Structure formats: C-alpha cells, structure tokens
Amino acid sequence: MYGICNLSVIPVRKEPSDKSEMVTQLLFGDSFKILEEKDQWRKIRNYWDDYEGWIDRKQFAEVSKTEYERSLSGLPAVNAELFSVILNEKSGESFPVTLGCTLPSFHNNRFSIGENNYFFDGTVFTEKDKASRQNIVDTALLFLNSPYLWGGKTPMGIDCSGFTQVVFKANGIRLKRDAYQQAESGSSYSFVEESYPGDLAFFDNEEGKITHVGIIITDNRVIHASGRVRIDHFDHYGIFTPERGGYTHHLRVIRKIVE
C-alpha cells in the first residue's frame, strides 16, 4: 500500500502513539510506502529519504501503486516560498503549505492527488531549474530565527538536519534526514579555507558521532538550527557562540554538495 501526505504537515512518530517522540515530519506531497498497520497507525517509509516512522491513518491519502509511481517520475516540483497557499479546486478550500513541500506531477500551475485537483501559483523549483550555491544560501536565510523543534521541518519549528534537508530539497537536491547520514553526501575538503557558500559543515560530539550540521554562507559564517535558526562564526575548531563565550560545536568535516 502507498500514500501521499495531503495536509500541510504531519508528525511522524517513533512508536504508534500520540505520546511517542516525533522523529520527523511529512510535508504536503511527500509520498511513502506503507509497511505495517497497527490500529489507527501506519508505519511508513518516506520516498525522499527512506526515513521510517508511524503516522495516523486520518492524516494522509491512500493512493494506488500507479499513482505513487507517477508522483515520483522525474524530479518533483517543490514549493520554493517560505509560505504559500494551495487551492483544492473540487472543494474550493485553500490551505497553507511551507517551503519544501512537493507538488506531484505539477503542470501549468495544477496537480492532482487521488480525486482532488489542486491549483498553485507560487514559486516552484522544477527539473528544468539548476541548483546554485547562491540560491541555497538565499533559501537558508529565509528560515532565520525559526524556532528549533526536534524532528521539525517547517519555519514554525525545525531541527538542524531538517533545516539542511528542506533547504536543499527546495533546490532540487536530495539529502538523507539525519546529520550523520547527510555527512556521507558529496566530497570533503582538507581545509576550512577551501570551502564556499552552500557547502555543508558537520559537527560531532565528545564520542566522535556527527550530531549537528549547518550551511556555510560566507566569511567563515554558518547558518544552523540551534535554539533557533541563527548565524554564527566558525573556524577549524568549530562554532563560536558569543553569548556562551566559547565553542559550542566541534567541527568534524565540510562537504561539497553543489559544484
């Protein structure tokens, strides 16, 4: 069985319970495979990043394998605006969506999910567009001061790897969900001085595990989600946080994702 998220955003939980930890979120248009059923809950695997978790059966549209595969054909159109509105042409209802949501089989400002046809006239990134370092930086800056939320992927609450994943998704680049997984993408630099705006900087903890990620913008500055989406100075030691008077994140590696 297959499904598509047809709401603005829904929580994906570690276990099949409303009390369980939210591990990530699905944004409108995210397609997934249903792996398991338990009462009102469905365990799913998100197509974009292979992340698994549990969602409420009331919060998505079940679709056929044919429609699921159709929604995945080519690089999907992605909303490139911080907030936009989608109109359901059948019901006449409109609702907000956030940057990074997917518009399956988008053509001439329209797309469909199941029996519902939708209209969207906002800015989109499509397979005809080409990602650039400057566009990645510009997209990242849209999230400035968004609050930190574990598992979050929207301007109303986002975590460090959700932030980088959504920013790159809005520029047509697929990243995995967690920081340590994203660190396997692209190629690494030998020195901080070799890096450019749009590169990803990864940071590890005392055990040496990569737990944090940010986007380099310019002049040894990085934008990242820590308490809120913020800009801090960094060097070969890590991120220096003025209000704490020292380094808060230890730099592990910088990876080039975009040429």
Protein backbone atom coordinates (compact mmCIF):
# COMPACT_ATOMS: atom_id res chain seq x y z
CA MET A 1 0.00 0.00 0.00
CA TYR A 2 1.05 3.58 -0.66
CA GLY A 3 0.14 7.07 0.47
CA ILE A 4 0.73 10.79 -0.04
CA CYS A 5 0.63 13.49 2.63
CA ASN A 6 -2.33 15.73 1.74
CA LEU A 7 -2.08 18.07 4.73
CA SER A 8 0.31 20.97 5.26
CA VAL A 9 2.50 18.97 7.65
CA ILE A 10 2.03 15.88 9.83
CA PRO A 11 4.15 14.33 12.59
CA VAL A 12 5.99 11.06 12.09
CA ARG A 13 6.43 9.28 15.43
CA LYS A 14 8.90 6.72 16.74
CA GLU A 15 6.13 4.45 18.02
CA PRO A 16 2.40 4.13 17.15
CA SER A 17 1.16 6.54 19.81
CA ASP A 18 0.29 10.24 20.07
CA LYS A 19 2.54 10.33 23.15
CA SER A 20 5.54 8.98 21.25
CA GLU A 21 8.50 11.13 20.22
CA MET A 22 8.22 12.95 16.89
CA VAL A 23 11.23 11.86 14.83
CA THR A 24 10.45 13.83 11.66
CA GLN A 25 7.59 15.34 9.69
CA LEU A 26 5.95 14.79 6.33
CA LEU A 27 5.26 17.87 4.25
CA PHE A 28 2.43 18.19 1.75
CA GLY A 29 3.02 15.96 -1.28
CA ASP A 30 5.52 13.60 0.38
CA SER A 31 4.99 10.09 -0.98
CA PHE A 32 5.58 6.96 1.04
CA LYS A 33 5.15 3.20 1.22
CA ILE A 34 3.03 1.71 4.00
CA LEU A 35 5.00 -1.03 5.75
CA GLU A 36 2.79 -2.04 8.66
CA GLU A 37 -0.62 -1.40 10.25
CA LYS A 38 -1.46 -1.20 13.95
CA ASP A 39 -4.89 0.05 14.97
CA GLN A 40 -5.17 3.67 13.72
CA TRP A 41 -1.45 3.85 12.92
CA ARG A 42 0.55 3.12 9.79
CA LYS A 43 4.28 2.56 9.70
CA ILE A 44 5.68 4.23 6.58
CA ARG A 45 8.90 4.72 4.65
CA ASN A 46 9.24 8.17 3.12
CA TYR A 47 10.34 8.03 -0.51
CA TRP A 48 12.50 11.16 -0.37
CA ASP A 49 14.87 9.97 2.36
CA ASP A 50 13.85 6.37 3.25
CA TYR A 51 13.05 7.51 6.81
CA GLU A 52 10.61 5.30 8.69
CA GLY A 53 8.09 6.03 11.41
CA TRP A 54 4.42 5.95 12.38
CA ILE A 55 1.65 8.28 11.19
CA ASP A 56 -2.07 8.50 11.95
CA ARG A 57 -4.23 6.93 9.23
CA LYS A 58 -6.50 10.01 9.28
CA GLN A 59 -3.69 12.28 8.11
CA PHE A 60 -2.91 11.10 4.59
CA ALA A 61 -4.46 9.97 1.32
CA GLU A 62 -4.01 6.35 0.33
CA VAL A 63 -3.11 6.02 -3.35
CA SER A 64 -2.59 3.21 -5.84
CA LYS A 65 0.84 1.93 -6.77
CA THR A 66 0.35 3.53 -10.20
CA GLU A 67 -0.30 6.98 -8.73
CA TYR A 68 2.54 6.54 -6.24
CA GLU A 69 4.97 5.76 -9.04
CA ARG A 70 3.57 8.58 -11.18
CA SER A 71 4.21 11.05 -8.37
CA LEU A 72 7.86 10.00 -8.33
CA SER A 73 8.56 10.30 -12.04
CA GLY A 74 11.36 12.78 -12.67
CA LEU A 75 12.45 15.45 -10.22
CA PRO A 76 9.29 16.68 -8.45
CA ALA A 77 8.22 20.30 -8.42
CA VAL A 78 8.89 21.77 -4.98
CA ASN A 79 7.48 24.90 -3.35
CA ALA A 80 10.30 27.45 -3.08
CA GLU A 81 8.45 30.04 -0.98
CA LEU A 82 8.52 30.15 2.83
CA PHE A 83 4.70 30.06 2.99
CA SER A 84 2.26 29.58 0.12
CA VAL A 85 -1.39 28.64 -0.38
CA ILE A 86 -2.83 25.69 -2.31
CA LEU A 87 -6.41 25.66 -3.57
CA ASN A 88 -8.43 22.45 -3.73
CA GLU A 89 -10.46 23.08 -6.88
CA LYS A 90 -13.02 20.39 -6.04
CA SER A 91 -13.95 21.65 -2.57
CA GLY A 92 -12.97 25.29 -3.03
CA GLU A 93 -10.94 25.13 0.18
CA SER A 94 -7.47 26.58 0.46
CA PHE A 95 -4.74 25.82 2.97
CA PRO A 96 -1.15 26.87 3.68
CA VAL A 97 1.95 24.91 2.76
CA THR A 98 5.58 25.57 3.64
CA LEU A 99 8.84 25.67 1.74
CA GLY A 100 9.94 22.23 0.55
CA CYS A 101 6.51 20.71 0.02
CA THR A 102 6.11 18.56 -3.10
CA LEU A 103 3.65 19.18 -5.95
CA PRO A 104 3.29 15.78 -7.68
CA SER A 105 3.02 15.79 -11.50
CA PHE A 106 2.86 19.58 -11.48
CA HIS A 107 1.94 21.20 -14.81
CA ASN A 108 0.52 24.62 -15.69
CA ASN A 109 0.00 25.51 -12.01
CA ARG A 110 -2.06 22.38 -11.39
CA PHE A 111 -1.62 18.88 -10.00
CA SER A 112 -3.77 16.13 -8.52
CA ILE A 113 -3.79 13.67 -5.63
CA GLY A 114 -6.41 10.96 -5.91
CA GLU A 115 -9.70 12.54 -6.98
CA ASN A 116 -8.68 16.02 -5.86
CA ASN A 117 -7.29 18.63 -8.24
CA TYR A 118 -5.19 21.46 -6.86
CA PHE A 119 -4.12 24.90 -8.07
CA PHE A 120 -0.83 26.53 -7.05
CA ASP A 121 0.60 29.74 -8.47
CA GLY A 122 3.58 30.21 -6.16
CA THR A 123 7.29 29.91 -6.97
CA VAL A 124 8.46 26.35 -7.62
CA PHE A 125 11.73 24.60 -8.31
CA THR A 126 11.36 22.08 -11.14
CA GLU A 127 13.62 19.70 -13.02
CA LYS A 128 14.20 22.48 -15.57
CA ASP A 129 15.95 24.58 -12.91
CA LYS A 130 19.56 24.22 -11.79
CA ALA A 131 20.70 24.43 -8.20
CA SER A 132 23.27 27.08 -7.35
CA ARG A 133 25.27 27.90 -4.25
CA GLN A 134 23.74 31.38 -4.03
CA ASN A 135 20.20 30.03 -4.25
CA ILE A 136 20.95 27.59 -1.43
CA VAL A 137 22.23 30.43 0.76
CA ASP A 138 19.24 32.63 -0.13
CA THR A 139 16.82 29.80 0.72
CA ALA A 140 18.57 29.12 4.03
CA LEU A 141 18.31 32.78 5.05
CA LEU A 142 14.51 32.62 4.71
CA PHE A 143 14.47 30.43 7.84
CA LEU A 144 16.44 32.87 10.01
CA ASN A 145 15.05 32.93 13.59
CA SER A 146 12.74 29.95 13.03
CA PRO A 147 12.49 28.13 16.40
CA TYR A 148 14.26 24.83 16.98
CA LEU A 149 12.00 21.78 17.13
CA TRP A 150 13.27 18.21 17.34
CA GLY A 151 12.02 16.40 14.23
CA GLY A 152 10.66 19.62 12.71
CA LYS A 153 10.89 20.60 9.03
CA THR A 154 8.96 23.88 8.78
CA PRO A 155 9.58 27.60 9.54
CA MET A 156 7.39 27.16 12.64
CA GLY A 157 9.84 24.64 14.09
CA ILE A 158 12.84 22.87 12.62
CA ASP A 159 15.90 20.90 13.67
CA CYS A 160 19.42 21.15 12.25
CA SER A 161 19.24 18.33 9.70
CA GLY A 162 15.60 19.04 8.85
CA PHE A 163 16.73 22.57 8.04
CA THR A 164 19.50 21.49 5.67
CA GLN A 165 17.35 18.79 4.10
CA VAL A 166 14.47 21.15 3.30
CA VAL A 167 16.76 23.93 2.02
CA PHE A 168 18.47 21.55 -0.38
CA LYS A 169 15.17 19.90 -1.37
CA ALA A 170 13.83 23.33 -2.39
CA ASN A 171 16.84 23.48 -4.70
CA GLY A 172 16.30 20.03 -6.23
CA ILE A 173 18.90 18.15 -4.17
CA ARG A 174 18.08 15.07 -2.15
CA LEU A 175 19.68 14.65 1.28
CA LYS A 176 19.03 11.99 3.89
CA ARG A 177 17.25 13.00 7.11
CA ASP A 178 19.88 12.88 9.87
CA ALA A 179 23.15 14.81 10.08
CA TYR A 180 25.37 11.72 10.16
CA GLN A 181 23.61 10.41 7.05
CA GLN A 182 23.97 13.72 5.22
CA ALA A 183 27.70 13.65 6.00
CA GLU A 184 28.01 10.76 3.54
CA SER A 185 26.95 13.01 0.64
CA GLY A 186 29.26 14.95 -1.66
CA SER A 187 33.01 15.25 -1.22
CA SER A 188 35.10 16.59 1.65
CA TYR A 189 37.65 19.40 1.91
CA SER A 190 41.03 19.19 3.60
CA PHE A 191 40.88 22.74 5.00
CA VAL A 192 38.17 25.18 6.07
CA GLU A 193 39.68 27.79 3.77
CA GLU A 194 38.78 25.65 0.74
CA SER A 195 35.05 25.81 1.45
CA TYR A 196 32.46 28.00 -0.28
CA PRO A 197 28.95 29.30 0.48
CA GLY A 198 26.42 26.50 0.08
CA ASP A 199 28.70 23.80 1.50
CA LEU A 200 27.62 21.74 4.50
CA ALA A 201 29.59 21.86 7.76
CA PHE A 202 29.25 18.88 10.11
CA PHE A 203 29.99 18.82 13.81
CA ASP A 204 30.50 15.92 16.22
CA ASN A 205 30.10 15.26 19.94
CA GLU A 206 32.62 14.03 22.51
CA GLU A 207 32.14 10.46 21.33
CA GLY A 208 33.00 11.46 17.77
CA LYS A 209 29.47 10.99 16.40
CA ILE A 210 28.20 13.59 13.94
CA THR A 211 25.21 15.24 15.60
CA HIS A 212 24.94 18.68 14.02
CA VAL A 213 25.01 20.30 10.59
CA GLY A 214 24.83 23.80 9.15
CA ILE A 215 25.18 25.64 5.84
CA ILE A 216 28.18 27.83 5.17
CA ILE A 217 27.12 31.26 3.95
CA THR A 218 30.22 33.49 3.71
CA ASP A 219 33.24 34.82 5.61
CA ASN A 220 33.55 31.86 7.97
CA ARG A 221 29.92 32.07 8.99
CA VAL A 222 27.44 29.24 9.19
CA ILE A 223 23.64 29.28 9.40
CA HIS A 224 22.27 26.45 11.52
CA ALA A 225 19.39 25.46 13.82
CA SER A 226 20.46 25.63 17.45
CA GLY A 227 17.76 27.03 19.72
CA ARG A 228 16.67 28.89 16.62
CA VAL A 229 17.98 29.22 13.08
CA ARG A 230 20.92 31.56 13.57
CA ILE A 231 24.18 32.72 12.04
CA ASP A 232 27.44 32.15 13.91
CA HIS A 233 31.16 32.41 13.25
CA PHE A 234 33.07 29.16 12.80
CA ASP A 235 36.64 28.08 12.16
CA HIS A 236 38.63 24.85 12.14
CA TYR A 237 37.78 24.35 15.83
CA GLY A 238 34.04 24.67 15.42
CA ILE A 239 31.20 27.14 16.05
CA PHE A 240 31.89 30.03 18.40
CA THR A 241 28.79 31.24 20.26
CA PRO A 242 29.26 34.75 21.71
CA GLU A 243 26.61 34.54 24.45
CA ARG A 244 28.23 31.38 25.79
CA GLY A 245 31.72 32.76 25.40
CA GLY A 246 33.19 29.76 23.66
CA TYR A 247 32.90 26.96 21.16
CA THR A 248 29.63 25.02 21.27
CA HIS A 249 30.07 22.64 18.33
CA HIS A 250 33.24 20.80 17.30
CA LEU A 251 33.90 20.86 13.54
CA ARG A 252 34.27 17.41 12.02
CA VAL A 253 34.17 17.86 8.24
CA ILE A 254 32.93 20.13 5.46
CA ARG A 255 31.27 18.53 2.44
CA LYS A 256 30.77 19.98 -1.02
CA ILE A 257 27.30 19.11 -2.35
CA VAL A 258 26.95 21.57 -5.25
CA GLU A 259 29.69 22.32 -7.79
